[in-house]
Amino acid sequence: MSRQVDCQKECTNGCILGDKCPNLEYLAKARKLLAETSIDKLIEISDSRFLPPPPPAQ
């Protein structure tokens, strides 16, 4: 029997399932993004999250 885990709540200090984590593919993608993206680009991406949305096209 496998245990259902709410990762957002239970894994705040790290994954509690280890190699059985269903989200390992996302971890690999995140590590790849961080390894291949400059810090300046990462900051730009982060900053863009707080900009107001563009006005709708008319």
PDB file of N, CA and C in Angstrom:
ATOM      1  N   MET A   1       0.835  -1.182   0.000  1.00  0.00           N
ATOM      2  CA  MET A   1       0.000   0.000   0.000  1.00  0.00           C
ATOM      3  C   MET A   1       0.879   1.244   0.000  1.00  0.00           C
ATOM      4  N   SER A   2       0.638   2.161  -0.933  1.00  0.00           N
ATOM      5  CA  SER A   2       1.437   3.374  -0.993  1.00  0.00           C
ATOM      6  C   SER A   2       0.705   4.519  -0.294  1.00  0.00           C
ATOM      7  N   ARG A   3       1.456   5.400   0.251  1.00  0.00           N
ATOM      8  CA  ARG A   3       0.922   6.523   1.017  1.00  0.00           C
ATOM      9  C   ARG A   3       0.735   7.723   0.104  1.00  0.00           C
ATOM     10  N   GLN A   4      -0.396   8.410   0.216  1.00  0.00           N
ATOM     11  CA  GLN A   4      -0.628   9.639  -0.524  1.00  0.00           C
ATOM     12  C   GLN A   4       0.048  10.777   0.231  1.00  0.00           C
ATOM     13  N   VAL A   5       0.825  11.571  -0.480  1.00  0.00           N
ATOM     14  CA  VAL A   5       1.565  12.662   0.138  1.00  0.00           C
ATOM     15  C   VAL A   5       1.173  13.966  -0.544  1.00  0.00           C
ATOM     16  N   ASP A   6       0.866  14.974   0.257  1.00  0.00           N
ATOM     17  CA  ASP A   6       0.633  16.319  -0.265  1.00  0.00           C
ATOM     18  C   ASP A   6       1.990  17.028  -0.228  1.00  0.00           C
ATOM     19  N   CYS A   7       2.692  16.969  -1.350  1.00  0.00           N
ATOM     20  CA  CYS A   7       4.074  17.465  -1.403  1.00  0.00           C
ATOM     21  C   CYS A   7       4.189  18.924  -0.975  1.00  0.00           C
ATOM     22  N   GLN A   8       3.224  19.743  -1.356  1.00  0.00           N
ATOM     23  CA  GLN A   8       3.286  21.164  -1.026  1.00  0.00           C
ATOM     24  C   GLN A   8       3.318  21.391   0.486  1.00  0.00           C
ATOM     25  N   LYS A   9       2.636  20.544   1.234  1.00  0.00           N
ATOM     26  CA  LYS A   9       2.577  20.718   2.684  1.00  0.00           C
ATOM     27  C   LYS A   9       3.612  19.874   3.419  1.00  0.00           C
ATOM     28  N   GLU A  10       3.827  18.652   2.970  1.00  0.00           N
ATOM     29  CA  GLU A  10       4.653  17.720   3.730  1.00  0.00           C
ATOM     30  C   GLU A  10       6.134  17.729   3.369  1.00  0.00           C
ATOM     31  N   CYS A  11       6.472  18.237   2.210  1.00  0.00           N
ATOM     32  CA  CYS A  11       7.869  18.183   1.765  1.00  0.00           C
ATOM     33  C   CYS A  11       8.539  19.560   1.811  1.00  0.00           C
ATOM     34  N   THR A  12       8.131  20.411   2.729  1.00  0.00           N
ATOM     35  CA  THR A  12       8.682  21.765   2.802  1.00  0.00           C
ATOM     36  C   THR A  12      10.163  21.764   3.181  1.00  0.00           C
ATOM     37  N   ASN A  13      10.619  20.726   3.860  1.00  0.00           N
ATOM     38  CA  ASN A  13      12.033  20.626   4.244  1.00  0.00           C
ATOM     39  C   ASN A  13      12.771  19.598   3.408  1.00  0.00           C
ATOM     40  N   GLY A  14      12.206  19.230   2.269  1.00  0.00           N
ATOM     41  CA  GLY A  14      12.804  18.231   1.396  1.00  0.00           C
ATOM     42  C   GLY A  14      11.838  17.080   1.177  1.00  0.00           C
ATOM     43  N   CYS A  15      12.051  16.373   0.105  1.00  0.00           N
ATOM     44  CA  CYS A  15      11.167  15.270  -0.267  1.00  0.00           C
ATOM     45  C   CYS A  15      11.215  14.164   0.786  1.00  0.00           C
ATOM     46  N   ILE A  16      10.029  13.697   1.182  1.00  0.00           N
ATOM     47  CA  ILE A  16       9.980  12.634   2.184  1.00  0.00           C
ATOM     48  C   ILE A  16       9.877  11.249   1.553  1.00  0.00           C
ATOM     49  N   LEU A  17       9.684  11.188   0.230  1.00  0.00           N
ATOM     50  CA  LEU A  17       9.554   9.895  -0.452  1.00  0.00           C
ATOM     51  C   LEU A  17      10.845   9.420  -1.102  1.00  0.00           C
ATOM     52  N   GLY A  18      11.814  10.305  -1.228  1.00  0.00           N
ATOM     53  CA  GLY A  18      13.087   9.922  -1.836  1.00  0.00           C
ATOM     54  C   GLY A  18      12.942   9.456  -3.275  1.00  0.00           C
ATOM     55  N   ASP A  19      13.484   8.292  -3.596  1.00  0.00           N
ATOM     56  CA  ASP A  19      13.464   7.768  -4.970  1.00  0.00           C
ATOM     57  C   ASP A  19      12.070   7.378  -5.438  1.00  0.00           C
ATOM     58  N   LYS A  20      11.105   7.328  -4.552  1.00  0.00           N
ATOM     59  CA  LYS A  20       9.734   6.968  -4.924  1.00  0.00           C
ATOM     60  C   LYS A  20       8.870   8.198  -5.193  1.00  0.00           C
ATOM     61  N   CYS A  21       9.470   9.359  -5.194  1.00  0.00           N
ATOM     62  CA  CYS A  21       8.745  10.611  -5.430  1.00  0.00           C
ATOM     63  C   CYS A  21       8.198  10.633  -6.854  1.00  0.00           C
ATOM     64  N   PRO A  22       6.902  10.932  -7.017  1.00  0.00           N
ATOM     65  CA  PRO A  22       6.326  10.984  -8.364  1.00  0.00           C
ATOM     66  C   PRO A  22       6.715  12.249  -9.135  1.00  0.00           C
ATOM     67  N   ASN A  23       7.413  13.158  -8.491  1.00  0.00           N
ATOM     68  CA  ASN A  23       7.763  14.428  -9.123  1.00  0.00           C
ATOM     69  C   ASN A  23       9.238  14.558  -9.480  1.00  0.00           C
ATOM     70  N   LEU A  24       9.962  13.450  -9.541  1.00  0.00           N
ATOM     71  CA  LEU A  24      11.396  13.512  -9.822  1.00  0.00           C
ATOM     72  C   LEU A  24      11.708  14.121 -11.180  1.00  0.00           C
ATOM     73  N   GLU A  25      10.821  13.934 -12.165  1.00  0.00           N
ATOM     74  CA  GLU A  25      11.084  14.515 -13.487  1.00  0.00           C
ATOM     75  C   GLU A  25      11.122  16.039 -13.409  1.00  0.00           C
ATOM     76  N   TYR A  26      10.306  16.637 -12.535  1.00  0.00           N
ATOM     77  CA  TYR A  26      10.293  18.091 -12.394  1.00  0.00           C
ATOM     78  C   TYR A  26      11.559  18.583 -11.710  1.00  0.00           C
ATOM     79  N   LEU A  27      12.080  17.805 -10.778  1.00  0.00           N
ATOM     80  CA  LEU A  27      13.336  18.144 -10.130  1.00  0.00           C
ATOM     81  C   LEU A  27      14.459  18.175 -11.159  1.00  0.00           C
ATOM     82  N   ALA A  28      14.495  17.192 -12.036  1.00  0.00           N
ATOM     83  CA  ALA A  28      15.526  17.143 -13.074  1.00  0.00           C
ATOM     84  C   ALA A  28      15.410  18.343 -14.010  1.00  0.00           C
ATOM     85  N   LYS A  29      14.186  18.707 -14.370  1.00  0.00           N
ATOM     86  CA  LYS A  29      13.981  19.868 -15.251  1.00  0.00           C
ATOM     87  C   LYS A  29      14.420  21.158 -14.564  1.00  0.00           C
ATOM     88  N   ALA A  30      14.106  21.298 -13.289  1.00  0.00           N
ATOM     89  CA  ALA A  30      14.491  22.495 -12.542  1.00  0.00           C
ATOM     90  C   ALA A  30      16.010  22.597 -12.426  1.00  0.00           C
ATOM     91  N   ARG A  31      16.654  21.476 -12.138  1.00  0.00           N
ATOM     92  CA  ARG A  31      18.123  21.489 -12.035  1.00  0.00           C
ATOM     93  C   ARG A  31      18.761  21.841 -13.370  1.00  0.00           C
ATOM     94  N   LYS A  32      18.198  21.339 -14.467  1.00  0.00           N
ATOM     95  CA  LYS A  32      18.724  21.640 -15.796  1.00  0.00           C
ATOM     96  C   LYS A  32      18.577  23.128 -16.094  1.00  0.00           C
ATOM     97  N   LEU A  33      17.404  23.684 -15.783  1.00  0.00           N
ATOM     98  CA  LEU A  33      17.179  25.116 -16.008  1.00  0.00           C
ATOM     99  C   LEU A  33      18.188  25.952 -15.229  1.00  0.00           C
ATOM    100  N   LEU A  34      18.389  25.619 -13.958  1.00  0.00           N
ATOM    101  CA  LEU A  34      19.326  26.384 -13.141  1.00  0.00           C
ATOM    102  C   LEU A  34      20.764  26.249 -13.628  1.00  0.00           C
ATOM    103  N   ALA A  35      21.123  25.078 -14.112  1.00  0.00           N
ATOM    104  CA  ALA A  35      22.496  24.848 -14.577  1.00  0.00           C
ATOM    105  C   ALA A  35      22.776  25.557 -15.897  1.00  0.00           C
ATOM    106  N   GLU A  36      21.749  25.704 -16.743  1.00  0.00           N
ATOM    107  CA  GLU A  36      21.959  26.225 -18.091  1.00  0.00           C
ATOM    108  C   GLU A  36      21.564  27.691 -18.261  1.00  0.00           C
ATOM    109  N   THR A  37      21.036  28.317 -17.225  1.00  0.00           N
ATOM    110  CA  THR A  37      20.542  29.686 -17.345  1.00  0.00           C
ATOM    111  C   THR A  37      21.397  30.612 -16.492  1.00  0.00           C
ATOM    112  N   SER A  38      21.768  31.749 -17.055  1.00  0.00           N
ATOM    113  CA  SER A  38      22.587  32.708 -16.313  1.00  0.00           C
ATOM    114  C   SER A  38      21.778  33.309 -15.176  1.00  0.00           C
ATOM    115  N   ILE A  39      22.481  33.768 -14.152  1.00  0.00           N
ATOM    116  CA  ILE A  39      21.809  34.371 -13.002  1.00  0.00           C
ATOM    117  C   ILE A  39      21.038  35.618 -13.427  1.00  0.00           C
ATOM    118  N   ASP A  40      21.577  36.368 -14.396  1.00  0.00           N
ATOM    119  CA  ASP A  40      20.877  37.560 -14.870  1.00  0.00           C
ATOM    120  C   ASP A  40      19.539  37.201 -15.503  1.00  0.00           C
ATOM    121  N   LYS A  41      19.507  36.129 -16.281  1.00  0.00           N
ATOM    122  CA  LYS A  41      18.269  35.684 -16.915  1.00  0.00           C
ATOM    123  C   LYS A  41      17.284  35.175 -15.855  1.00  0.00           C
ATOM    124  N   LEU A  42      17.773  34.469 -14.843  1.00  0.00           N
ATOM    125  CA  LEU A  42      16.906  33.989 -13.770  1.00  0.00           C
ATOM    126  C   LEU A  42      16.269  35.155 -13.014  1.00  0.00           C
ATOM    127  N   ILE A  43      17.053  36.197 -12.771  1.00  0.00           N
ATOM    128  CA  ILE A  43      16.517  37.391 -12.105  1.00  0.00           C
ATOM    129  C   ILE A  43      15.480  38.066 -12.984  1.00  0.00           C
ATOM    130  N   GLU A  44      15.743  38.141 -14.277  1.00  0.00           N
ATOM    131  CA  GLU A  44      14.784  38.724 -15.221  1.00  0.00           C
ATOM    132  C   GLU A  44      13.463  37.937 -15.206  1.00  0.00           C
ATOM    133  N   ILE A  45      13.551  36.628 -15.212  1.00  0.00           N
ATOM    134  CA  ILE A  45      12.357  35.785 -15.163  1.00  0.00           C
ATOM    135  C   ILE A  45      11.594  36.047 -13.862  1.00  0.00           C
ATOM    136  N   SER A  46      12.320  36.101 -12.769  1.00  0.00           N
ATOM    137  CA  SER A  46      11.700  36.329 -11.464  1.00  0.00           C
ATOM    138  C   SER A  46      11.016  37.692 -11.411  1.00  0.00           C
ATOM    139  N   ASP A  47      11.699  38.713 -11.877  1.00  0.00           N
ATOM    140  CA  ASP A  47      11.133  40.064 -11.870  1.00  0.00           C
ATOM    141  C   ASP A  47       9.869  40.157 -12.712  1.00  0.00           C
ATOM    142  N   SER A  48       9.833  39.436 -13.822  1.00  0.00           N
ATOM    143  CA  SER A  48       8.689  39.520 -14.727  1.00  0.00           C
ATOM    144  C   SER A  48       7.414  38.982 -14.082  1.00  0.00           C
ATOM    145  N   ARG A  49       7.557  38.168 -13.053  1.00  0.00           N
ATOM    146  CA  ARG A  49       6.381  37.615 -12.365  1.00  0.00           C
ATOM    147  C   ARG A  49       5.605  38.692 -11.623  1.00  0.00           C
ATOM    148  N   PHE A  50       6.233  39.837 -11.344  1.00  0.00           N
ATOM    149  CA  PHE A  50       5.592  40.883 -10.552  1.00  0.00           C
ATOM    150  C   PHE A  50       5.156  42.078 -11.393  1.00  0.00           C
ATOM    151  N   LEU A  51       5.367  42.011 -12.691  1.00  0.00           N
ATOM    152  CA  LEU A  51       4.941  43.098 -13.569  1.00  0.00           C
ATOM    153  C   LEU A  51       3.438  42.983 -13.825  1.00  0.00           C
ATOM    154  N   PRO A  52       2.768  44.129 -14.035  1.00  0.00           N
ATOM    155  CA  PRO A  52       1.336  44.051 -14.374  1.00  0.00           C
ATOM    156  C   PRO A  52       1.170  43.418 -15.751  1.00  0.00           C
ATOM    157  N   PRO A  53       0.056  42.738 -15.972  1.00  0.00           N
ATOM    158  CA  PRO A  53      -0.157  42.112 -17.285  1.00  0.00           C
ATOM    159  C   PRO A  53      -0.309  43.181 -18.366  1.00  0.00           C
ATOM    160  N   PRO A  54       0.075  42.848 -19.603  1.00  0.00           N
ATOM    161  CA  PRO A  54      -0.074  43.820 -20.694  1.00  0.00           C
ATOM    162  C   PRO A  54      -1.551  44.081 -20.950  1.00  0.00           C
ATOM    163  N   PRO A  55      -1.876  45.279 -21.448  1.00  0.00           N
ATOM    164  CA  PRO A  55      -3.278  45.578 -21.736  1.00  0.00           C
ATOM    165  C   PRO A  55      -3.782  44.687 -22.862  1.00  0.00           C
ATOM    166  N   PRO A  56      -5.074  44.384 -22.881  1.00  0.00           N
ATOM    167  CA  PRO A  56      -5.623  43.533 -23.934  1.00  0.00           C
ATOM    168  C   PRO A  56      -5.502  44.190 -25.311  1.00  0.00           C
ATOM    169  N   ALA A  57      -5.261  43.364 -26.315  1.00  0.00           N
ATOM    170  CA  ALA A  57      -5.144  43.868 -27.686  1.00  0.00           C
ATOM    171  C   ALA A  57      -6.503  44.353 -28.161  1.00  0.00           C
ATOM    172  N   GLN A  58      -6.498  45.452 -28.913  1.00  0.00           N
ATOM    173  CA  GLN A  58      -7.756  45.990 -29.424  1.00  0.00           C
ATOM    174  C   GLN A  58      -7.891  45.795 -30.892  1.00  0.00           C
TER     175      GLN A  58
END
